[in-house]
Amino acid sequence: MRGRICKSIVGGVLALSGLWGGCTPLTGPGKHTPTTNAAKPASPSYITDTMAEYATLVGGSDLVVHGYGVVAGLGNNGSREVPAYVREYLTQMLLKSQTLNTAGGSEAISPQAILEDLDTAVVELWGVIPTGAPAGTRFDVFVSCPPETQTRSLDGGVMLVPAEMRLAVPGELAGRQSKVFAEADGVIFINPFLDPTKREDLPKLREGRIIGGGKSLEDRPLRLSLFQADYQRADLIQRRINERFGPGRIAVAKDSSVIEISIPSAYRDNYGQFLRLLMHLPIRLTSGSLEIKAREIAAAIESSGTNHDELALVWEAIGRQVLPTVQGLYNASNPVSAFYAARTGMRLGDSAAVPVVVAAATNPNSPLQVAAIEELGRQKLSAKITPVLRQLLNDENESVRLAAYEALLKQGDAAKIQRIALPKQFDMDLVESSGKPILYVSQSAQRKIVLFGKDVLIRRPIFFTAPENLLTINAEEGDEKLTVFRKVPRTERSSEAFQIDPLLSDLVRLMGTLPTRGPMEEKVYGLGLTYSQVVGVLYRLCQSGDVPAEFRLQVLPNIRRIYAQGGAAPLGRPDVSGQ
């Protein structure tokens, strides 16, 4: 069973991993298979004489990693079953943990006691380390209960012990692989739209994700492998890469067919873009042929049915020498051609391109409006850009407002955004916006709840109960405060009732804050719901009309579809259409 799932997931990843022309997967960590006389794929005209015509990127695929761990905080929904193939491994992991002591004391708890507690459960972990990822890269981790266990739900779970993640190899027993590629820990995010009273939803409560819970431990090795071994061409490619992306030795030719690649420091936080440019880099351009190449792209980019993005990447890979050519298209009659020319110019530092991209970002009839806003977010703070993005926070189009918010975050502009951090839980961003209130929730990379409209009021009267009485909110007509309390895990008792203002932001803060005693031994504040529990409550409040805001869930990146191919249903309801 485990072997079939592993093969399915690995196959799904490899099928999706060809993100750049000619990419092939690694044959194994750190290994290279010579590709002399390898069959060269047919090349579209726009990559003629670019890197993709001569070489493939080895290590240019995502790396699937796998592991086992122990989740705690499940109340009585966990299980005592520990599959035989993982018991010894988890016992050793628990013995090494520095967190195994009783609450408020120092007495160690035995691994056996932990594994037999219904508050805990054994889980299987899957993750994908992205192409070219440097050490420290965060990624989402998929979590599921082994089929042999009787765990009812992972709701409320946190990762008790940081778990090791190794290369996913079908049939391998836990801990037997030789190398750890990543670690994982964090809070389990289960599908917050599941209904535990519905039989068809019960199996899905046994799976979830740790958002940004994986961390790679070393740089991913990258190599270019020539389709035909040739010392002269390997040397030419090495020199061309170092000329374009230096200073430093970015490319080092090891022999006639292998060139080792390092991520330039300037692209450390955007290594995916570097790899795209690398594979679009023209190899044999001379000062005389460079202008011809740039003009060929200009002619192609204005023709119908062309791949504007790919062509613009060739321009960008060449560098600032193409600016005289792309500047001539800033005012092209075709707005798509004008945008991609201006995108290239702006990425290469031409300030004259900014008004063209701004025009696309503020044009509600442009199919490139959101793409233009995202592009503005990649630029440094500018007096021409920041006011535009701030104004777009008030746009009628929700996608435009979300894109403007993300762009301002990337720019580091916080004039319209107030961030409230709830330690060890999630962040809440309050966005100053005059448009209809939006409640935006992330479900990948970072736990984050965003409120467009800082003073959204919860309607009264209200009597709201979350599934299984997890949370209760009550207020009569005319009440100035809301009464809020939760069901405490394990004891099934109710927490202390809190009186709060009927502001949505105050409710989110109360739900997400871990129970904490205030100064001078004041009463405890905070309900300590997990991120997915908070999201589930907010979704239902929006659906019932008690919160007058549009609920929007972040669309998962396409690579997350591999989880469905591995036999696990994707998180659903509002985000189903985005899968």
Protein backbone atom coordinates (compact mmCIF):
# COMPACT_ATOMS: atom_id res chain seq x y z
CA MET A 1 0.00 0.00 0.00
CA ARG A 2 2.69 2.47 1.06
CA GLY A 3 4.82 1.55 -1.93
CA ARG A 4 1.97 2.15 -4.39
CA ILE A 5 1.22 5.56 -2.90
CA CYS A 6 4.88 6.54 -3.00
CA LYS A 7 5.21 5.52 -6.66
CA SER A 8 2.06 7.45 -7.52
CA ILE A 9 3.26 10.63 -5.86
CA VAL A 10 6.75 10.40 -7.33
CA GLY A 11 5.26 9.84 -10.76
CA GLY A 12 2.98 12.83 -10.34
CA VAL A 13 5.87 15.08 -9.39
CA LEU A 14 8.07 14.00 -12.28
CA ALA A 15 5.23 14.60 -14.70
CA LEU A 16 4.95 18.19 -13.46
CA SER A 17 8.63 18.92 -12.99
CA GLY A 18 9.58 19.99 -16.52
CA LEU A 19 9.28 23.68 -15.74
CA TRP A 20 12.02 24.78 -18.11
CA GLY A 21 12.95 23.58 -21.58
CA GLY A 22 14.79 20.28 -21.54
CA CYS A 23 14.56 19.66 -17.79
CA THR A 24 15.00 16.09 -16.59
CA PRO A 25 14.92 14.67 -13.07
CA LEU A 26 17.94 13.68 -11.05
CA THR A 27 18.79 9.99 -11.19
CA GLY A 28 19.58 10.25 -7.48
CA PRO A 29 20.87 12.81 -5.01
CA GLY A 30 24.20 14.12 -6.17
CA LYS A 31 24.43 11.64 -9.04
CA HIS A 32 24.93 12.38 -12.72
CA THR A 33 24.18 10.20 -15.68
CA PRO A 34 26.16 11.26 -18.78
CA THR A 35 23.91 12.44 -21.57
CA THR A 36 26.36 12.35 -24.44
CA ASN A 37 24.40 11.89 -27.67
CA ALA A 38 21.13 12.18 -25.75
CA ALA A 39 18.13 12.88 -27.92
CA LYS A 40 17.61 16.64 -28.13
CA PRO A 41 13.98 17.75 -27.87
CA ALA A 42 12.44 19.71 -30.72
CA SER A 43 13.04 23.41 -30.07
CA PRO A 44 10.49 26.16 -30.70
CA SER A 45 11.88 28.98 -32.79
CA TYR A 46 12.09 31.36 -29.83
CA ILE A 47 14.72 29.23 -28.07
CA THR A 48 16.95 28.78 -31.09
CA ASP A 49 20.56 29.09 -29.94
CA THR A 50 19.50 29.43 -26.29
CA MET A 51 20.66 27.17 -23.47
CA ALA A 52 17.63 24.89 -23.86
CA GLU A 53 18.81 23.95 -27.34
CA TYR A 54 22.16 22.61 -26.14
CA ALA A 55 21.67 21.33 -22.60
CA THR A 56 19.27 19.98 -20.03
CA LEU A 57 19.08 21.08 -16.43
CA VAL A 58 19.92 18.15 -14.15
CA GLY A 59 18.42 18.77 -10.74
CA GLY A 60 15.79 20.91 -12.40
CA SER A 61 12.99 18.81 -10.96
CA ASP A 62 11.25 18.92 -7.61
CA LEU A 63 12.53 16.51 -4.95
CA VAL A 64 9.87 14.41 -3.18
CA VAL A 65 10.70 13.79 0.49
CA HIS A 66 8.97 11.57 3.02
CA GLY A 67 8.94 10.88 6.74
CA TYR A 68 6.98 9.97 9.87
CA GLY A 69 6.11 11.97 12.95
CA VAL A 70 3.91 12.25 16.02
CA VAL A 71 1.06 14.76 16.31
CA ALA A 72 -0.26 15.91 19.69
CA GLY A 73 -3.21 18.04 20.79
CA LEU A 74 -5.96 15.79 19.42
CA GLY A 75 -8.00 15.48 22.61
CA ASN A 76 -9.36 11.95 22.46
CA ASN A 77 -9.33 11.74 18.65
CA GLY A 78 -5.87 10.15 18.35
CA SER A 79 -4.99 6.47 18.46
CA ARG A 80 -2.70 4.00 20.20
CA GLU A 81 -1.80 2.02 17.06
CA VAL A 82 1.79 2.36 15.89
CA PRO A 83 2.64 0.43 12.70
CA ALA A 84 5.45 -2.03 13.31
CA TYR A 85 7.60 -0.61 10.51
CA VAL A 86 7.77 2.79 12.24
CA ARG A 87 7.66 2.02 16.00
CA GLU A 88 11.42 1.68 16.58
CA TYR A 89 12.19 4.77 14.53
CA LEU A 90 9.66 6.98 16.36
CA THR A 91 10.77 5.69 19.74
CA GLN A 92 14.33 6.80 18.99
CA MET A 93 13.11 10.17 17.70
CA LEU A 94 11.08 10.78 20.87
CA LEU A 95 14.03 9.85 23.08
CA LYS A 96 16.14 12.49 21.32
CA SER A 97 13.50 15.19 21.73
CA GLN A 98 14.18 17.98 24.21
CA THR A 99 10.46 18.72 24.73
CA LEU A 100 9.35 15.49 26.36
CA ASN A 101 8.49 16.54 29.87
CA THR A 102 5.34 16.94 31.85
CA ALA A 103 3.57 20.29 31.78
CA GLY A 104 5.31 22.65 34.18
CA GLY A 105 7.79 20.00 35.29
CA SER A 106 11.01 18.36 34.24
CA GLU A 107 10.14 14.68 34.48
CA ALA A 108 10.56 13.02 31.10
CA ILE A 109 7.62 11.19 29.57
CA SER A 110 8.45 7.82 28.07
CA PRO A 111 8.01 7.35 24.30
CA GLN A 112 5.64 4.46 25.03
CA ALA A 113 3.38 6.72 27.10
CA ILE A 114 3.31 9.31 24.36
CA LEU A 115 2.50 6.84 21.60
CA GLU A 116 -0.29 5.22 23.62
CA ASP A 117 -2.00 8.50 24.52
CA LEU A 118 -5.24 9.21 22.62
CA ASP A 119 -4.10 12.85 22.45
CA THR A 120 -1.41 11.79 19.95
CA ALA A 121 -1.27 10.04 16.60
CA VAL A 122 1.37 8.66 14.26
CA VAL A 123 1.36 10.41 10.87
CA GLU A 124 3.02 9.98 7.51
CA LEU A 125 4.60 13.06 5.90
CA TRP A 126 5.15 14.03 2.27
CA GLY A 127 6.72 17.16 0.86
CA VAL A 128 8.28 18.64 -2.26
CA ILE A 129 11.56 20.57 -2.12
CA PRO A 130 11.39 22.99 -5.06
CA THR A 131 13.77 23.04 -7.98
CA GLY A 132 17.11 24.63 -7.14
CA ALA A 133 16.01 25.46 -3.59
CA PRO A 134 18.81 26.75 -1.33
CA ALA A 135 19.18 25.55 2.25
CA GLY A 136 16.48 26.96 4.52
CA THR A 137 13.74 26.99 1.88
CA ARG A 138 10.29 26.48 3.42
CA PHE A 139 7.68 24.26 1.79
CA ASP A 140 4.27 22.79 2.68
CA VAL A 141 4.10 19.29 4.14
CA PHE A 142 1.20 16.93 3.52
CA VAL A 143 0.17 14.89 6.58
CA SER A 144 -1.96 11.73 6.70
CA CYS A 145 -2.73 8.93 9.14
CA PRO A 146 -1.44 5.45 8.20
CA PRO A 147 -4.39 3.24 7.22
CA GLU A 148 -3.60 0.79 10.05
CA THR A 149 -4.43 3.39 12.70
CA GLN A 150 -7.83 4.39 14.11
CA THR A 151 -7.15 8.12 14.49
CA ARG A 152 -10.48 9.91 14.11
CA SER A 153 -9.31 13.45 13.34
CA LEU A 154 -6.13 15.53 13.14
CA ASP A 155 -8.06 18.68 14.05
CA GLY A 156 -6.20 20.64 16.70
CA GLY A 157 -2.93 18.80 16.11
CA VAL A 158 0.57 20.19 16.43
CA MET A 159 3.81 18.43 15.49
CA LEU A 160 5.26 17.32 18.84
CA VAL A 161 8.69 16.27 17.54
CA PRO A 162 10.48 17.90 14.59
CA ALA A 163 10.40 15.15 11.99
CA GLU A 164 13.09 14.10 9.55
CA MET A 165 12.24 13.99 5.86
CA ARG A 166 14.28 11.82 3.52
CA LEU A 167 14.24 10.97 -0.17
CA ALA A 168 10.97 9.19 -0.98
CA VAL A 169 11.93 5.64 -1.96
CA PRO A 170 9.18 3.01 -2.43
CA GLY A 171 9.43 0.17 0.08
CA GLU A 172 11.99 1.81 2.37
CA LEU A 173 11.41 1.44 6.13
CA ALA A 174 11.37 4.54 8.33
CA GLY A 175 14.83 5.94 9.04
CA ARG A 176 16.67 3.44 6.82
CA GLN A 177 17.56 5.94 4.10
CA SER A 178 21.04 7.38 4.54
CA LYS A 179 20.40 11.10 4.22
CA VAL A 180 18.00 13.64 5.73
CA PHE A 181 17.07 16.34 3.20
CA ALA A 182 14.61 18.34 5.31
CA GLU A 183 12.91 18.76 8.67
CA ALA A 184 9.23 19.37 9.40
CA ASP A 185 7.21 20.68 12.33
CA GLY A 186 4.26 22.95 13.02
CA VAL A 187 0.49 23.07 13.37
CA ILE A 188 -1.71 20.79 11.28
CA PHE A 189 -4.05 22.62 8.89
CA ILE A 190 -6.98 20.38 8.07
CA ASN A 191 -9.71 21.24 5.59
CA PRO A 192 -11.70 23.82 7.57
CA PHE A 193 -14.83 23.27 5.47
CA LEU A 194 -15.38 19.66 6.47
CA ASP A 195 -18.44 18.75 8.50
CA PRO A 196 -17.67 16.07 11.14
CA THR A 197 -21.37 15.14 11.21
CA LYS A 198 -21.23 13.98 7.57
CA ARG A 199 -20.01 10.43 7.01
CA GLU A 200 -18.37 11.26 3.66
CA ASP A 201 -16.21 13.92 5.33
CA LEU A 202 -14.87 11.73 8.14
CA PRO A 203 -11.94 10.14 6.21
CA LYS A 204 -10.74 13.60 5.17
CA LEU A 205 -10.35 14.62 8.80
CA ARG A 206 -7.40 12.19 8.90
CA GLU A 207 -5.29 14.29 6.54
CA GLY A 208 -4.05 17.85 6.31
CA ARG A 209 -1.04 20.07 5.70
CA ILE A 210 1.59 21.87 7.71
CA ILE A 211 1.71 25.24 5.98
CA GLY A 212 5.35 26.14 5.42
CA GLY A 213 6.23 23.34 7.84
CA GLY A 214 9.11 21.83 5.85
CA LYS A 215 12.63 23.29 5.74
CA SER A 216 15.35 22.10 3.37
CA LEU A 217 18.70 21.46 5.01
CA GLU A 218 21.09 21.96 2.10
CA ASP A 219 21.37 23.60 -1.30
CA ARG A 220 19.96 21.56 -4.16
CA PRO A 221 22.78 20.66 -6.59
CA LEU A 222 22.27 21.92 -10.14
CA ARG A 223 24.07 20.91 -13.33
CA LEU A 224 23.75 21.56 -17.01
CA SER A 225 24.24 18.40 -19.04
CA LEU A 226 25.03 18.89 -22.72
CA PHE A 227 23.07 16.86 -25.25
CA GLN A 228 26.38 16.28 -27.10
CA ALA A 229 29.73 16.21 -25.32
CA ASP A 230 31.90 19.04 -26.60
CA TYR A 231 34.75 20.68 -24.65
CA GLN A 232 34.64 23.85 -26.72
CA ARG A 233 30.89 24.30 -26.29
CA ALA A 234 31.08 23.52 -22.55
CA ASP A 235 33.70 26.23 -22.16
CA LEU A 236 31.63 28.67 -24.22
CA ILE A 237 28.53 28.03 -22.09
CA GLN A 238 30.54 28.43 -18.89
CA ARG A 239 31.92 31.80 -20.03
CA ARG A 240 28.55 33.04 -21.28
CA ILE A 241 26.79 32.29 -17.96
CA ASN A 242 29.51 33.92 -15.88
CA GLU A 243 29.51 37.00 -18.11
CA ARG A 244 25.75 37.41 -17.74
CA PHE A 245 25.19 36.46 -14.09
CA GLY A 246 28.54 37.17 -12.43
CA PRO A 247 30.56 38.34 -10.61
CA GLY A 248 31.82 35.05 -9.34
CA ARG A 249 31.96 31.59 -10.80
CA ILE A 250 28.28 30.84 -11.32
CA ALA A 251 29.10 28.13 -13.86
CA VAL A 252 32.02 25.69 -13.68
CA ALA A 253 32.59 23.21 -16.51
CA LYS A 254 33.62 19.87 -14.99
CA ASP A 255 34.19 18.06 -18.28
CA SER A 256 32.92 18.03 -21.86
CA SER A 257 29.30 17.43 -20.90
CA VAL A 258 28.72 18.65 -17.33
CA ILE A 259 28.61 22.23 -16.02
CA GLU A 260 27.93 22.85 -12.34
CA ILE A 261 25.64 25.80 -11.55
CA SER A 262 25.43 27.97 -8.43
CA ILE A 263 22.57 30.35 -7.64
CA PRO A 264 23.85 33.97 -7.86
CA SER A 265 23.44 35.95 -4.64
CA ALA A 266 21.22 38.47 -6.43
CA TYR A 267 18.73 35.66 -7.17
CA ARG A 268 18.93 33.86 -3.82
CA ASP A 269 15.34 34.79 -2.99
CA ASN A 270 14.13 34.29 -6.56
CA TYR A 271 16.06 31.27 -7.77
CA GLY A 272 13.18 30.08 -9.95
CA GLN A 273 13.48 33.20 -12.07
CA PHE A 274 17.24 32.67 -12.40
CA LEU A 275 16.70 29.13 -13.69
CA ARG A 276 14.15 30.36 -16.24
CA LEU A 277 16.56 33.02 -17.47
CA LEU A 278 19.41 30.50 -17.53
CA MET A 279 17.53 28.20 -19.91
CA HIS A 280 16.56 31.16 -22.15
CA LEU A 281 20.09 32.58 -22.33
CA PRO A 282 21.42 32.83 -25.94
CA ILE A 283 24.83 31.17 -26.12
CA ARG A 284 26.68 32.29 -29.25
CA LEU A 285 25.71 35.94 -29.49
CA THR A 286 28.40 38.38 -30.58
CA SER A 287 28.12 42.15 -30.51
CA GLY A 288 27.01 42.04 -34.15
CA SER A 289 24.44 39.27 -33.81
CA LEU A 290 22.95 40.52 -30.52
CA GLU A 291 21.00 43.34 -32.14
CA ILE A 292 19.73 40.98 -34.83
CA LYS A 293 18.50 38.53 -32.21
CA ALA A 294 16.74 41.29 -30.26
CA ARG A 295 14.99 42.49 -33.43
CA GLU A 296 13.95 38.97 -34.37
CA ILE A 297 12.23 38.65 -30.99
CA ALA A 298 10.60 42.06 -31.46
CA ALA A 299 9.13 40.94 -34.78
CA ALA A 300 7.96 37.63 -33.32
CA ILE A 301 6.41 39.19 -30.23
CA GLU A 302 4.09 41.30 -32.38
CA SER A 303 2.85 38.35 -34.42
CA SER A 304 -0.36 36.51 -33.54
CA GLY A 305 -0.33 33.26 -31.58
CA THR A 306 3.11 33.85 -30.14
CA ASN A 307 4.34 32.97 -26.64
CA HIS A 308 4.97 36.46 -25.30
CA ASP A 309 6.33 35.32 -21.95
CA GLU A 310 8.96 33.01 -23.46
CA LEU A 311 10.12 35.60 -25.97
CA ALA A 312 10.37 38.29 -23.31
CA LEU A 313 12.49 35.94 -21.18
CA VAL A 314 15.03 35.65 -24.01
CA TRP A 315 15.23 39.45 -24.12
CA GLU A 316 15.67 39.58 -20.37
CA ALA A 317 18.30 36.83 -20.41
CA ILE A 318 20.38 38.78 -22.92
CA GLY A 319 20.47 41.80 -20.61
CA ARG A 320 20.46 45.58 -20.84
CA GLN A 321 21.84 45.52 -24.38
CA VAL A 322 18.30 44.91 -25.65
CA LEU A 323 16.87 48.13 -24.17
CA PRO A 324 17.07 50.18 -27.40
CA THR A 325 14.99 47.49 -29.14
CA VAL A 326 12.36 46.91 -26.42
CA GLN A 327 11.90 50.65 -25.86
CA GLY A 328 10.60 50.88 -29.41
CA LEU A 329 7.64 48.66 -28.44
CA TYR A 330 6.52 50.52 -25.31
CA ASN A 331 3.89 52.29 -27.44
CA ALA A 332 3.03 49.30 -29.65
CA SER A 333 -0.55 49.16 -30.90
CA ASN A 334 -0.85 45.64 -29.48
CA PRO A 335 -1.16 46.20 -25.68
CA VAL A 336 0.10 42.67 -24.93
CA SER A 337 3.31 43.28 -26.91
CA ALA A 338 3.68 46.66 -25.21
CA PHE A 339 3.30 45.11 -21.76
CA TYR A 340 5.89 42.37 -22.27
CA ALA A 341 8.34 44.84 -23.78
CA ALA A 342 7.82 47.17 -20.81
CA ARG A 343 8.08 44.24 -18.37
CA THR A 344 11.47 43.42 -19.84
CA GLY A 345 12.56 47.05 -19.70
CA MET A 346 11.44 47.47 -16.10
CA ARG A 347 13.21 44.28 -14.98
CA LEU A 348 16.37 45.56 -16.66
CA GLY A 349 16.18 48.89 -14.84
CA ASP A 350 14.59 51.18 -17.42
CA SER A 351 12.41 53.72 -15.58
CA ALA A 352 10.75 54.71 -18.87
CA ALA A 353 8.96 51.34 -18.84
CA VAL A 354 7.19 51.99 -15.53
CA PRO A 355 4.31 54.15 -16.92
CA VAL A 356 3.45 51.42 -19.45
CA VAL A 357 3.10 48.77 -16.75
CA VAL A 358 1.23 51.21 -14.49
CA ALA A 359 -1.22 51.88 -17.33
CA ALA A 360 -1.92 48.13 -17.63
CA ALA A 361 -2.27 47.81 -13.85
CA THR A 362 -4.92 50.55 -13.71
CA ASN A 363 -6.86 49.50 -16.81
CA PRO A 364 -9.92 47.46 -15.72
CA ASN A 365 -10.37 46.25 -19.31
CA SER A 366 -6.87 44.85 -19.63
CA PRO A 367 -6.51 41.05 -19.43
CA LEU A 368 -3.04 41.74 -18.03
CA GLN A 369 -4.17 43.95 -15.14
CA VAL A 370 -3.38 41.49 -12.34
CA ALA A 371 -0.10 40.43 -14.01
CA ALA A 372 0.89 44.11 -14.26
CA ILE A 373 0.11 44.69 -10.56
CA GLU A 374 2.19 41.66 -9.62
CA GLU A 375 5.04 43.02 -11.73
CA LEU A 376 4.88 46.39 -9.96
CA GLY A 377 5.20 44.55 -6.67
CA ARG A 378 8.55 43.12 -7.77
CA GLN A 379 10.04 46.60 -8.14
CA LYS A 380 11.70 48.66 -5.45
CA LEU A 381 9.68 51.36 -3.72
CA SER A 382 8.96 54.13 -6.18
CA ALA A 383 7.03 57.38 -6.03
CA LYS A 384 5.39 56.32 -9.30
CA ILE A 385 4.36 52.85 -8.13
CA THR A 386 3.40 52.92 -4.45
CA PRO A 387 0.50 55.43 -4.69
CA VAL A 388 -0.97 53.41 -7.57
CA LEU A 389 -0.92 50.18 -5.56
CA ARG A 390 -2.41 51.88 -2.51
CA GLN A 391 -5.30 53.22 -4.59
CA LEU A 392 -5.95 49.78 -6.10
CA LEU A 393 -6.71 48.49 -2.59
CA ASN A 394 -10.10 50.19 -3.09
CA ASP A 395 -10.85 48.66 -6.50
CA GLU A 396 -14.21 46.98 -7.15
CA ASN A 397 -12.45 43.90 -8.51
CA GLU A 398 -11.49 41.60 -5.63
CA SER A 399 -8.64 40.00 -7.58
CA VAL A 400 -7.18 43.45 -8.20
CA ARG A 401 -7.38 44.36 -4.52
CA LEU A 402 -5.70 41.11 -3.46
CA ALA A 403 -2.95 41.56 -6.04
CA ALA A 404 -2.33 45.14 -4.87
CA TYR A 405 -2.11 43.98 -1.26
CA GLU A 406 0.44 41.27 -2.11
CA ALA A 407 2.42 43.75 -4.23
CA LEU A 408 2.61 46.27 -1.37
CA LEU A 409 3.82 43.53 0.96
CA LYS A 410 6.62 42.63 -1.45
CA GLN A 411 7.59 46.28 -1.67
CA GLY A 412 7.70 46.54 2.10
CA ASP A 413 5.14 49.34 2.19
CA ALA A 414 3.02 49.15 5.35
CA ALA A 415 1.22 52.52 5.20
CA LYS A 416 -2.13 50.85 4.50
CA ILE A 417 -1.44 47.49 6.18
CA GLN A 418 -1.34 46.82 9.92
CA ARG A 419 0.15 43.44 10.86
CA ILE A 420 -0.82 41.79 14.14
CA ALA A 421 1.28 38.74 14.99
CA LEU A 422 -0.25 36.01 17.11
CA PRO A 423 2.88 34.14 18.30
CA LYS A 424 3.16 30.48 17.26
CA GLN A 425 -0.22 30.74 15.55
CA PHE A 426 -0.61 33.05 12.53
CA ASP A 427 -0.48 36.67 11.38
CA MET A 428 -3.48 38.94 10.90
CA ASP A 429 -3.22 41.82 8.43
CA LEU A 430 -5.72 44.69 8.63
CA VAL A 431 -5.88 46.47 5.27
CA GLU A 432 -7.21 49.99 4.95
CA SER A 433 -9.71 49.73 2.10
CA SER A 434 -12.95 51.54 1.20
CA GLY A 435 -14.31 48.67 -0.90
CA LYS A 436 -16.61 45.89 0.22
CA PRO A 437 -15.03 43.93 3.10
CA ILE A 438 -13.01 40.86 2.10
CA LEU A 439 -11.74 38.13 4.41
CA TYR A 440 -8.75 36.53 2.68
CA VAL A 441 -7.11 33.37 4.04
CA SER A 442 -3.80 31.83 2.97
CA GLN A 443 -3.38 28.06 2.82
CA SER A 444 0.17 27.72 1.53
CA ALA A 445 3.65 28.95 2.56
CA GLN A 446 2.43 31.16 5.43
CA ARG A 447 -0.46 31.15 7.89
CA LYS A 448 -2.16 34.49 7.39
CA ILE A 449 -5.64 36.03 7.69
CA VAL A 450 -6.23 39.33 5.90
CA LEU A 451 -9.17 41.68 6.58
CA PHE A 452 -9.90 44.30 3.91
CA GLY A 453 -11.72 46.86 6.00
CA LYS A 454 -10.21 47.38 9.45
CA ASP A 455 -13.48 47.89 11.34
CA VAL A 456 -15.73 45.07 10.09
CA LEU A 457 -18.59 44.58 12.57
CA ILE A 458 -20.19 41.26 13.49
CA ARG A 459 -23.95 41.53 13.21
CA ARG A 460 -26.17 41.32 16.29
CA PRO A 461 -28.21 39.57 17.52
CA ILE A 462 -26.16 36.44 17.01
CA PHE A 463 -26.13 32.90 18.31
CA PHE A 464 -23.43 30.91 16.53
CA THR A 465 -22.02 27.48 17.29
CA ALA A 466 -19.20 25.82 15.34
CA PRO A 467 -19.40 22.08 14.52
CA GLU A 468 -19.17 19.83 17.59
CA ASN A 469 -19.69 22.95 19.75
CA LEU A 470 -16.06 23.94 19.31
CA LEU A 471 -16.92 27.64 19.67
CA THR A 472 -20.01 29.59 20.75
CA ILE A 473 -20.73 33.27 20.05
CA ASN A 474 -23.76 34.94 21.59
CA ALA A 475 -25.23 38.48 21.75
CA GLU A 476 -28.75 39.81 22.11
CA GLU A 477 -30.22 42.74 20.21
CA GLY A 478 -28.69 45.91 21.61
CA ASP A 479 -25.80 44.17 23.41
CA GLU A 480 -22.57 46.14 23.16
CA LYS A 481 -20.39 43.06 23.65
CA LEU A 482 -20.17 39.53 22.29
CA THR A 483 -19.94 36.57 24.65
CA VAL A 484 -17.47 33.99 23.31
CA PHE A 485 -16.31 30.66 24.73
CA ARG A 486 -14.98 27.32 23.45
CA LYS A 487 -15.08 23.62 24.28
CA VAL A 488 -11.83 22.56 25.91
CA PRO A 489 -10.12 19.50 24.34
CA ARG A 490 -10.12 16.25 26.34
CA THR A 491 -12.25 17.60 29.22
CA GLU A 492 -15.25 18.50 27.00
CA ARG A 493 -15.89 21.39 29.40
CA SER A 494 -16.43 25.01 28.39
CA SER A 495 -13.72 27.61 28.74
CA GLU A 496 -14.19 30.89 30.54
CA ALA A 497 -16.60 33.19 28.67
CA PHE A 498 -14.98 36.32 27.20
CA GLN A 499 -16.69 39.64 26.56
CA ILE A 500 -15.32 41.40 23.47
CA ASP A 501 -16.31 44.24 21.15
CA PRO A 502 -18.22 43.06 18.05
CA LEU A 503 -15.25 43.73 15.76
CA LEU A 504 -14.16 40.90 13.48
CA SER A 505 -10.50 41.67 14.19
CA ASP A 506 -11.10 41.34 17.95
CA LEU A 507 -12.78 37.96 17.45
CA VAL A 508 -9.90 36.67 15.30
CA ARG A 509 -7.40 37.85 17.91
CA LEU A 510 -9.29 36.13 20.75
CA MET A 511 -9.69 32.85 18.84
CA GLY A 512 -6.07 32.72 17.69
CA THR A 513 -4.26 33.83 20.83
CA LEU A 514 -2.82 30.98 22.89
CA PRO A 515 -4.19 31.09 26.46
CA THR A 516 -1.95 33.54 28.29
CA ARG A 517 -2.10 35.01 31.78
CA GLY A 518 -1.77 38.78 31.82
CA PRO A 519 0.41 40.92 34.07
CA MET A 520 -0.19 40.97 37.80
CA GLU A 521 -1.81 37.49 37.61
CA GLU A 522 -4.86 38.79 35.77
CA LYS A 523 -7.22 36.30 34.19
CA VAL A 524 -6.18 34.19 31.23
CA TYR A 525 -6.85 35.64 27.76
CA GLY A 526 -7.08 33.65 24.52
CA LEU A 527 -8.93 30.60 23.26
CA GLY A 528 -6.03 28.91 21.44
CA LEU A 529 -7.91 27.61 18.41
CA THR A 530 -5.66 26.31 15.65
CA TYR A 531 -5.36 28.16 12.37
CA SER A 532 -7.67 25.78 10.52
CA GLN A 533 -10.25 25.97 13.32
CA VAL A 534 -10.22 29.78 13.15
CA VAL A 535 -10.58 29.65 9.36
CA GLY A 536 -13.51 27.23 9.65
CA VAL A 537 -15.32 29.55 12.08
CA LEU A 538 -14.73 32.59 9.86
CA TYR A 539 -15.97 30.76 6.77
CA ARG A 540 -19.22 29.75 8.48
CA LEU A 541 -19.75 33.26 9.88
CA CYS A 542 -19.43 34.68 6.37
CA GLN A 543 -21.76 32.03 4.95
CA SER A 544 -24.42 32.74 7.58
CA GLY A 545 -24.24 36.49 7.00
CA ASP A 546 -23.16 37.21 10.57
CA VAL A 547 -19.97 38.68 9.10
CA PRO A 548 -20.69 41.00 6.12
CA ALA A 549 -17.54 40.10 4.17
CA GLU A 550 -16.65 38.03 1.11
CA PHE A 551 -14.65 34.95 2.11
CA ARG A 552 -11.71 34.29 -0.22
CA LEU A 553 -9.27 31.38 0.08
CA GLN A 554 -5.83 31.48 -1.48
CA VAL A 555 -5.67 29.31 -4.60
CA LEU A 556 -3.08 26.59 -4.12
CA PRO A 557 -0.06 26.51 -6.43
CA ASN A 558 -0.47 23.93 -9.20
CA ILE A 559 2.27 21.71 -7.83
CA ARG A 560 0.01 20.89 -4.87
CA ARG A 561 -2.05 18.76 -7.23
CA ILE A 562 0.46 15.96 -6.71
CA TYR A 563 -1.19 15.22 -3.41
CA ALA A 564 -4.40 14.27 -5.17
CA GLN A 565 -2.38 12.00 -7.47
CA GLY A 566 -0.95 10.36 -4.37
CA GLY A 567 -4.38 9.26 -3.23
CA ALA A 568 -5.21 12.21 -0.97
CA ALA A 569 -8.18 14.46 -1.71
CA PRO A 570 -7.30 18.15 -2.11
CA LEU A 571 -8.67 20.60 0.39
CA GLY A 572 -12.02 21.66 -0.94
CA ARG A 573 -15.20 23.65 -0.93
CA PRO A 574 -14.30 27.29 -1.72
CA ASP A 575 -10.98 26.33 -3.30
CA VAL A 576 -12.13 23.35 -5.38
CA SER A 577 -12.27 25.37 -8.58
CA GLY A 578 -8.72 26.53 -8.00
CA GLN A 579 -7.22 23.05 -7.86
